[in-house]
């Protein structure tokens, strides 16, 4: 579910993992991407993939960390 949310709202998907600094970073990154996209008249819309990839990496790290902690118990 988090990966689907990462496609449409990357900062919110990251926030659900509890990584506040990464959520703020993602918000700034997405704001820059949206601004650049609007200024270039949608020529840079592919940059949204950077936001999605950042969210996916953070979510993946969250799942790996939780699996590792759960496996030790």
PDB file of N, CA and C in Angstrom:
ATOM      1  N   UNK A   1       0.826  -1.195   0.000  1.00  0.00           N
ATOM      2  CA  UNK A   1       0.000   0.000   0.000  1.00  0.00           C
ATOM      3  C   UNK A   1       0.870   1.259   0.000  1.00  0.00           C
ATOM      4  N   UNK A   2       1.991   1.210   0.733  1.00  0.00           N
ATOM      5  CA  UNK A   2       2.868   2.389   0.784  1.00  0.00           C
ATOM      6  C   UNK A   2       3.476   2.675  -0.588  1.00  0.00           C
ATOM      7  N   UNK A   3       3.784   1.620  -1.342  1.00  0.00           N
ATOM      8  CA  UNK A   3       4.379   1.830  -2.663  1.00  0.00           C
ATOM      9  C   UNK A   3       3.380   2.502  -3.608  1.00  0.00           C
ATOM     10  N   UNK A   4       2.120   2.165  -3.510  1.00  0.00           N
ATOM     11  CA  UNK A   4       1.097   2.810  -4.325  1.00  0.00           C
ATOM     12  C   UNK A   4       0.955   4.278  -3.924  1.00  0.00           C
ATOM     13  N   UNK A   5       0.990   4.539  -2.636  1.00  0.00           N
ATOM     14  CA  UNK A   5       0.921   5.908  -2.146  1.00  0.00           C
ATOM     15  C   UNK A   5       2.146   6.701  -2.594  1.00  0.00           C
ATOM     16  N   UNK A   6       3.284   6.035  -2.703  1.00  0.00           N
ATOM     17  CA  UNK A   6       4.520   6.694  -3.131  1.00  0.00           C
ATOM     18  C   UNK A   6       4.426   7.232  -4.555  1.00  0.00           C
ATOM     19  N   UNK A   7       3.595   6.645  -5.371  1.00  0.00           N
ATOM     20  CA  UNK A   7       3.451   7.113  -6.751  1.00  0.00           C
ATOM     21  C   UNK A   7       2.733   8.457  -6.798  1.00  0.00           C
ATOM     22  N   UNK A   8       1.710   8.611  -5.960  1.00  0.00           N
ATOM     23  CA  UNK A   8       0.886   9.815  -6.019  1.00  0.00           C
ATOM     24  C   UNK A   8       1.281  10.871  -4.991  1.00  0.00           C
ATOM     25  N   UNK A   9       1.656  10.462  -3.786  1.00  0.00           N
ATOM     26  CA  UNK A   9       2.029  11.384  -2.710  1.00  0.00           C
ATOM     27  C   UNK A   9       3.279  10.886  -1.989  1.00  0.00           C
ATOM     28  N   UNK A  10       4.436  11.027  -2.622  1.00  0.00           N
ATOM     29  CA  UNK A  10       5.660  10.490  -2.023  1.00  0.00           C
ATOM     30  C   UNK A  10       5.946  10.963  -0.594  1.00  0.00           C
ATOM     31  N   UNK A  11       5.779  12.256  -0.268  1.00  0.00           N
ATOM     32  CA  UNK A  11       6.081  12.663   1.110  1.00  0.00           C
ATOM     33  C   UNK A  11       5.179  11.986   2.148  1.00  0.00           C
ATOM     34  N   UNK A  12       3.932  11.795   1.811  1.00  0.00           N
ATOM     35  CA  UNK A  12       3.008  11.136   2.734  1.00  0.00           C
ATOM     36  C   UNK A  12       3.365   9.663   2.913  1.00  0.00           C
ATOM     37  N   UNK A  13       3.787   9.025   1.836  1.00  0.00           N
ATOM     38  CA  UNK A  13       4.199   7.625   1.929  1.00  0.00           C
ATOM     39  C   UNK A  13       5.413   7.480   2.838  1.00  0.00           C
ATOM     40  N   UNK A  14       6.343   8.417   2.724  1.00  0.00           N
ATOM     41  CA  UNK A  14       7.526   8.383   3.584  1.00  0.00           C
ATOM     42  C   UNK A  14       7.145   8.683   5.028  1.00  0.00           C
ATOM     43  N   UNK A  15       6.227   9.597   5.222  1.00  0.00           N
ATOM     44  CA  UNK A  15       5.802   9.955   6.579  1.00  0.00           C
ATOM     45  C   UNK A  15       5.175   8.777   7.307  1.00  0.00           C
ATOM     46  N   UNK A  16       4.539   7.870   6.574  1.00  0.00           N
ATOM     47  CA  UNK A  16       3.929   6.699   7.218  1.00  0.00           C
ATOM     48  C   UNK A  16       4.969   5.728   7.763  1.00  0.00           C
ATOM     49  N   UNK A  17       6.229   5.895   7.335  1.00  0.00           N
ATOM     50  CA  UNK A  17       7.297   5.045   7.869  1.00  0.00           C
ATOM     51  C   UNK A  17       7.924   5.649   9.119  1.00  0.00           C
ATOM     52  N   UNK A  18       7.556   6.882   9.447  1.00  0.00           N
ATOM     53  CA  UNK A  18       8.091   7.532  10.629  1.00  0.00           C
ATOM     54  C   UNK A  18       9.390   8.267  10.394  1.00  0.00           C
ATOM     55  N   UNK A  19       9.810   8.385   9.161  1.00  0.00           N
ATOM     56  CA  UNK A  19      11.064   9.069   8.823  1.00  0.00           C
ATOM     57  C   UNK A  19      10.748  10.533   8.510  1.00  0.00           C
ATOM     58  N   UNK A  20      10.710  11.367   9.535  1.00  0.00           N
ATOM     59  CA  UNK A  20      10.272  12.751   9.395  1.00  0.00           C
ATOM     60  C   UNK A  20      11.247  13.570   8.541  1.00  0.00           C
ATOM     61  N   UNK A  21      12.561  13.413   8.769  1.00  0.00           N
ATOM     62  CA  UNK A  21      13.530  14.170   7.984  1.00  0.00           C
ATOM     63  C   UNK A  21      13.402  13.838   6.497  1.00  0.00           C
ATOM     64  N   UNK A  22      13.258  12.562   6.176  1.00  0.00           N
ATOM     65  CA  UNK A  22      13.114  12.164   4.772  1.00  0.00           C
ATOM     66  C   UNK A  22      11.798  12.675   4.188  1.00  0.00           C
ATOM     67  N   UNK A  23      10.757  12.743   5.000  1.00  0.00           N
ATOM     68  CA  UNK A  23       9.481  13.280   4.523  1.00  0.00           C
ATOM     69  C   UNK A  23       9.608  14.764   4.189  1.00  0.00           C
ATOM     70  N   UNK A  24      10.332  15.507   5.027  1.00  0.00           N
ATOM     71  CA  UNK A  24      10.558  16.922   4.751  1.00  0.00           C
ATOM     72  C   UNK A  24      11.407  17.080   3.494  1.00  0.00           C
ATOM     73  N   UNK A  25      12.449  16.280   3.378  1.00  0.00           N
ATOM     74  CA  UNK A  25      13.297  16.307   2.188  1.00  0.00           C
ATOM     75  C   UNK A  25      12.482  15.988   0.928  1.00  0.00           C
ATOM     76  N   UNK A  26      11.620  15.014   1.027  1.00  0.00           N
ATOM     77  CA  UNK A  26      10.784  14.639  -0.107  1.00  0.00           C
ATOM     78  C   UNK A  26       9.792  15.753  -0.457  1.00  0.00           C
ATOM     79  N   UNK A  27       9.264  16.430   0.537  1.00  0.00           N
ATOM     80  CA  UNK A  27       8.353  17.542   0.285  1.00  0.00           C
ATOM     81  C   UNK A  27       9.062  18.654  -0.480  1.00  0.00           C
ATOM     82  N   UNK A  28      10.271  18.981  -0.057  1.00  0.00           N
ATOM     83  CA  UNK A  28      11.053  20.016  -0.752  1.00  0.00           C
ATOM     84  C   UNK A  28      11.374  19.558  -2.174  1.00  0.00           C
ATOM     85  N   UNK A  29      11.800  18.314  -2.316  1.00  0.00           N
ATOM     86  CA  UNK A  29      12.123  17.767  -3.634  1.00  0.00           C
ATOM     87  C   UNK A  29      10.911  17.811  -4.558  1.00  0.00           C
ATOM     88  N   UNK A  30       9.761  17.394  -4.062  1.00  0.00           N
ATOM     89  CA  UNK A  30       8.540  17.401  -4.882  1.00  0.00           C
ATOM     90  C   UNK A  30       8.117  18.825  -5.247  1.00  0.00           C
ATOM     91  N   UNK A  31       8.280  19.765  -4.308  1.00  0.00           N
ATOM     92  CA  UNK A  31       7.935  21.158  -4.596  1.00  0.00           C
ATOM     93  C   UNK A  31       8.823  21.719  -5.704  1.00  0.00           C
ATOM     94  N   UNK A  32      10.110  21.384  -5.656  1.00  0.00           N
ATOM     95  CA  UNK A  32      11.031  21.830  -6.705  1.00  0.00           C
ATOM     96  C   UNK A  32      10.654  21.208  -8.048  1.00  0.00           C
ATOM     97  N   UNK A  33      10.346  19.943  -8.034  1.00  0.00           N
ATOM     98  CA  UNK A  33       9.962  19.254  -9.283  1.00  0.00           C
ATOM     99  C   UNK A  33       8.684  19.848  -9.862  1.00  0.00           C
ATOM    100  N   UNK A  34       7.707  20.092  -9.013  1.00  0.00           N
ATOM    101  CA  UNK A  34       6.445  20.669  -9.498  1.00  0.00           C
ATOM    102  C   UNK A  34       6.681  22.067 -10.056  1.00  0.00           C
ATOM    103  N   UNK A  35       7.489  22.865  -9.362  1.00  0.00           N
ATOM    104  CA  UNK A  35       7.798  24.217  -9.841  1.00  0.00           C
ATOM    105  C   UNK A  35       8.516  24.175 -11.182  1.00  0.00           C
ATOM    106  N   UNK A  36       9.536  23.328 -11.301  1.00  0.00           N
ATOM    107  CA  UNK A  36      10.258  23.218 -12.566  1.00  0.00           C
ATOM    108  C   UNK A  36       9.352  22.714 -13.688  1.00  0.00           C
ATOM    109  N   UNK A  37       8.454  21.809 -13.343  1.00  0.00           N
ATOM    110  CA  UNK A  37       7.538  21.276 -14.353  1.00  0.00           C
ATOM    111  C   UNK A  37       6.592  22.361 -14.862  1.00  0.00           C
ATOM    112  N   UNK A  38       6.072  23.171 -13.953  1.00  0.00           N
ATOM    113  CA  UNK A  38       5.154  24.235 -14.368  1.00  0.00           C
ATOM    114  C   UNK A  38       5.871  25.328 -15.163  1.00  0.00           C
ATOM    115  N   UNK A  39       7.100  25.652 -14.751  1.00  0.00           N
ATOM    116  CA  UNK A  39       7.863  26.683 -15.453  1.00  0.00           C
ATOM    117  C   UNK A  39       8.205  26.225 -16.868  1.00  0.00           C
ATOM    118  N   UNK A  40       8.509  24.956 -17.022  1.00  0.00           N
ATOM    119  CA  UNK A  40       8.887  24.453 -18.350  1.00  0.00           C
ATOM    120  C   UNK A  40       7.681  23.966 -19.149  1.00  0.00           C
ATOM    121  N   UNK A  41       6.487  24.305 -18.704  1.00  0.00           N
ATOM    122  CA  UNK A  41       5.241  23.911 -19.352  1.00  0.00           C
ATOM    123  C   UNK A  41       5.199  22.390 -19.531  1.00  0.00           C
ATOM    124  N   UNK A  42       5.345  21.694 -18.425  1.00  0.00           N
ATOM    125  CA  UNK A  42       5.242  20.238 -18.331  1.00  0.00           C
ATOM    126  C   UNK A  42       6.341  19.488 -19.077  1.00  0.00           C
ATOM    127  N   UNK A  43       7.412  20.164 -19.436  1.00  0.00           N
ATOM    128  CA  UNK A  43       8.520  19.507 -20.116  1.00  0.00           C
ATOM    129  C   UNK A  43       9.369  18.653 -19.190  1.00  0.00           C
ATOM    130  N   UNK A  44       9.291  18.912 -17.896  1.00  0.00           N
ATOM    131  CA  UNK A  44      10.113  18.176 -16.936  1.00  0.00           C
ATOM    132  C   UNK A  44       9.273  17.292 -16.016  1.00  0.00           C
ATOM    133  N   UNK A  45       8.115  16.884 -16.471  1.00  0.00           N
ATOM    134  CA  UNK A  45       7.231  16.061 -15.649  1.00  0.00           C
ATOM    135  C   UNK A  45       7.861  14.712 -15.307  1.00  0.00           C
ATOM    136  N   UNK A  46       8.793  14.248 -16.120  1.00  0.00           N
ATOM    137  CA  UNK A  46       9.460  12.970 -15.856  1.00  0.00           C
ATOM    138  C   UNK A  46      10.292  13.039 -14.577  1.00  0.00           C
ATOM    139  N   UNK A  47      10.621  14.239 -14.090  1.00  0.00           N
ATOM    140  CA  UNK A  47      11.386  14.365 -12.851  1.00  0.00           C
ATOM    141  C   UNK A  47      10.604  13.851 -11.633  1.00  0.00           C
ATOM    142  N   UNK A  48       9.284  13.693 -11.799  1.00  0.00           N
ATOM    143  CA  UNK A  48       8.471  13.151 -10.713  1.00  0.00           C
ATOM    144  C   UNK A  48       8.972  11.749 -10.333  1.00  0.00           C
ATOM    145  N   UNK A  49       9.589  11.068 -11.283  1.00  0.00           N
ATOM    146  CA  UNK A  49      10.155   9.744 -11.020  1.00  0.00           C
ATOM    147  C   UNK A  49      11.227   9.801  -9.936  1.00  0.00           C
ATOM    148  N   UNK A  50      11.929  10.918  -9.834  1.00  0.00           N
ATOM    149  CA  UNK A  50      12.935  11.077  -8.785  1.00  0.00           C
ATOM    150  C   UNK A  50      12.259  11.052  -7.418  1.00  0.00           C
ATOM    151  N   UNK A  51      11.136  11.737  -7.302  1.00  0.00           N
ATOM    152  CA  UNK A  51      10.382  11.736  -6.040  1.00  0.00           C
ATOM    153  C   UNK A  51       9.883  10.336  -5.706  1.00  0.00           C
ATOM    154  N   UNK A  52       9.388   9.635  -6.710  1.00  0.00           N
ATOM    155  CA  UNK A  52       8.873   8.285  -6.498  1.00  0.00           C
ATOM    156  C   UNK A  52      10.006   7.341  -6.095  1.00  0.00           C
ATOM    157  N   UNK A  53      11.163   7.459  -6.755  1.00  0.00           N
ATOM    158  CA  UNK A  53      12.284   6.586  -6.420  1.00  0.00           C
ATOM    159  C   UNK A  53      12.797   6.851  -5.009  1.00  0.00           C
ATOM    160  N   UNK A  54      12.849   8.106  -4.611  1.00  0.00           N
ATOM    161  CA  UNK A  54      13.286   8.427  -3.254  1.00  0.00           C
ATOM    162  C   UNK A  54      12.336   7.794  -2.237  1.00  0.00           C
ATOM    163  N   UNK A  55      11.039   7.921  -2.467  1.00  0.00           N
ATOM    164  CA  UNK A  55      10.061   7.332  -1.563  1.00  0.00           C
ATOM    165  C   UNK A  55      10.178   5.803  -1.546  1.00  0.00           C
ATOM    166  N   UNK A  56      10.382   5.203  -2.704  1.00  0.00           N
ATOM    167  CA  UNK A  56      10.497   3.742  -2.774  1.00  0.00           C
ATOM    168  C   UNK A  56      11.723   3.246  -2.012  1.00  0.00           C
ATOM    169  N   UNK A  57      12.851   3.960  -2.119  1.00  0.00           N
ATOM    170  CA  UNK A  57      14.049   3.564  -1.380  1.00  0.00           C
ATOM    171  C   UNK A  57      13.848   3.668   0.129  1.00  0.00           C
ATOM    172  N   UNK A  58      13.196   4.727   0.568  1.00  0.00           N
ATOM    173  CA  UNK A  58      12.950   4.893   2.007  1.00  0.00           C
ATOM    174  C   UNK A  58      11.998   3.811   2.514  1.00  0.00           C
ATOM    175  N   UNK A  59      10.961   3.525   1.759  1.00  0.00           N
ATOM    176  CA  UNK A  59       9.995   2.494   2.153  1.00  0.00           C
ATOM    177  C   UNK A  59      10.657   1.124   2.159  1.00  0.00           C
ATOM    178  N   UNK A  60      11.484   0.848   1.160  1.00  0.00           N
ATOM    179  CA  UNK A  60      12.191  -0.428   1.110  1.00  0.00           C
ATOM    180  C   UNK A  60      13.109  -0.589   2.320  1.00  0.00           C
ATOM    181  N   UNK A  61      13.823   0.471   2.663  1.00  0.00           N
ATOM    182  CA  UNK A  61      14.680   0.434   3.845  1.00  0.00           C
ATOM    183  C   UNK A  61      13.884   0.209   5.116  1.00  0.00           C
ATOM    184  N   UNK A  62      12.713   0.800   5.180  1.00  0.00           N
ATOM    185  CA  UNK A  62      11.827   0.613   6.336  1.00  0.00           C
ATOM    186  C   UNK A  62      11.410  -0.850   6.461  1.00  0.00           C
ATOM    187  N   UNK A  63      11.028  -1.456   5.335  1.00  0.00           N
ATOM    188  CA  UNK A  63      10.605  -2.862   5.367  1.00  0.00           C
ATOM    189  C   UNK A  63      11.773  -3.792   5.704  1.00  0.00           C
ATOM    190  N   UNK A  64      12.947  -3.516   5.163  1.00  0.00           N
ATOM    191  CA  UNK A  64      14.113  -4.344   5.474  1.00  0.00           C
ATOM    192  C   UNK A  64      14.500  -4.232   6.945  1.00  0.00           C
ATOM    193  N   UNK A  65      14.433  -3.022   7.487  1.00  0.00           N
ATOM    194  CA  UNK A  65      14.774  -2.810   8.886  1.00  0.00           C
ATOM    195  C   UNK A  65      13.780  -3.515   9.804  1.00  0.00           C
ATOM    196  N   UNK A  66      12.505  -3.453   9.454  1.00  0.00           N
ATOM    197  CA  UNK A  66      11.483  -4.116  10.276  1.00  0.00           C
ATOM    198  C   UNK A  66      11.585  -5.634  10.180  1.00  0.00           C
ATOM    199  N   UNK A  67      11.926  -6.146   9.010  1.00  0.00           N
ATOM    200  CA  UNK A  67      12.091  -7.588   8.849  1.00  0.00           C
ATOM    201  C   UNK A  67      13.281  -8.081   9.665  1.00  0.00           C
ATOM    202  N   UNK A  68      14.350  -7.286   9.672  1.00  0.00           N
ATOM    203  CA  UNK A  68      15.549  -7.651  10.395  1.00  0.00           C
ATOM    204  C   UNK A  68      15.283  -7.637  11.910  1.00  0.00           C
ATOM    205  N   UNK A  69      14.578  -6.657  12.397  1.00  0.00           N
ATOM    206  CA  UNK A  69      14.254  -6.569  13.827  1.00  0.00           C
ATOM    207  C   UNK A  69      13.304  -7.700  14.205  1.00  0.00           C
ATOM    208  N   UNK A  70      12.329  -7.986  13.354  1.00  0.00           N
ATOM    209  CA  UNK A  70      11.372  -9.055  13.625  1.00  0.00           C
ATOM    210  C   UNK A  70      12.022 -10.429  13.599  1.00  0.00           C
ATOM    211  N   UNK A  71      13.054 -10.600  12.764  1.00  0.00           N
ATOM    212  CA  UNK A  71      13.737 -11.893  12.652  1.00  0.00           C
ATOM    213  C   UNK A  71      14.605 -12.198  13.854  1.00  0.00           C
ATOM    214  N   UNK A  72      15.083 -11.161  14.543  1.00  0.00           N
ATOM    215  CA  UNK A  72      15.924 -11.366  15.715  1.00  0.00           C
ATOM    216  C   UNK A  72      15.116 -11.784  16.944  1.00  0.00           C
ATOM    217  N   UNK A  73      13.854 -11.436  16.964  1.00  0.00           N
ATOM    218  CA  UNK A  73      13.041 -11.695  18.160  1.00  0.00           C
ATOM    219  C   UNK A  73      12.627 -13.143  18.267  1.00  0.00           C
TER     220      UNK A  73
END
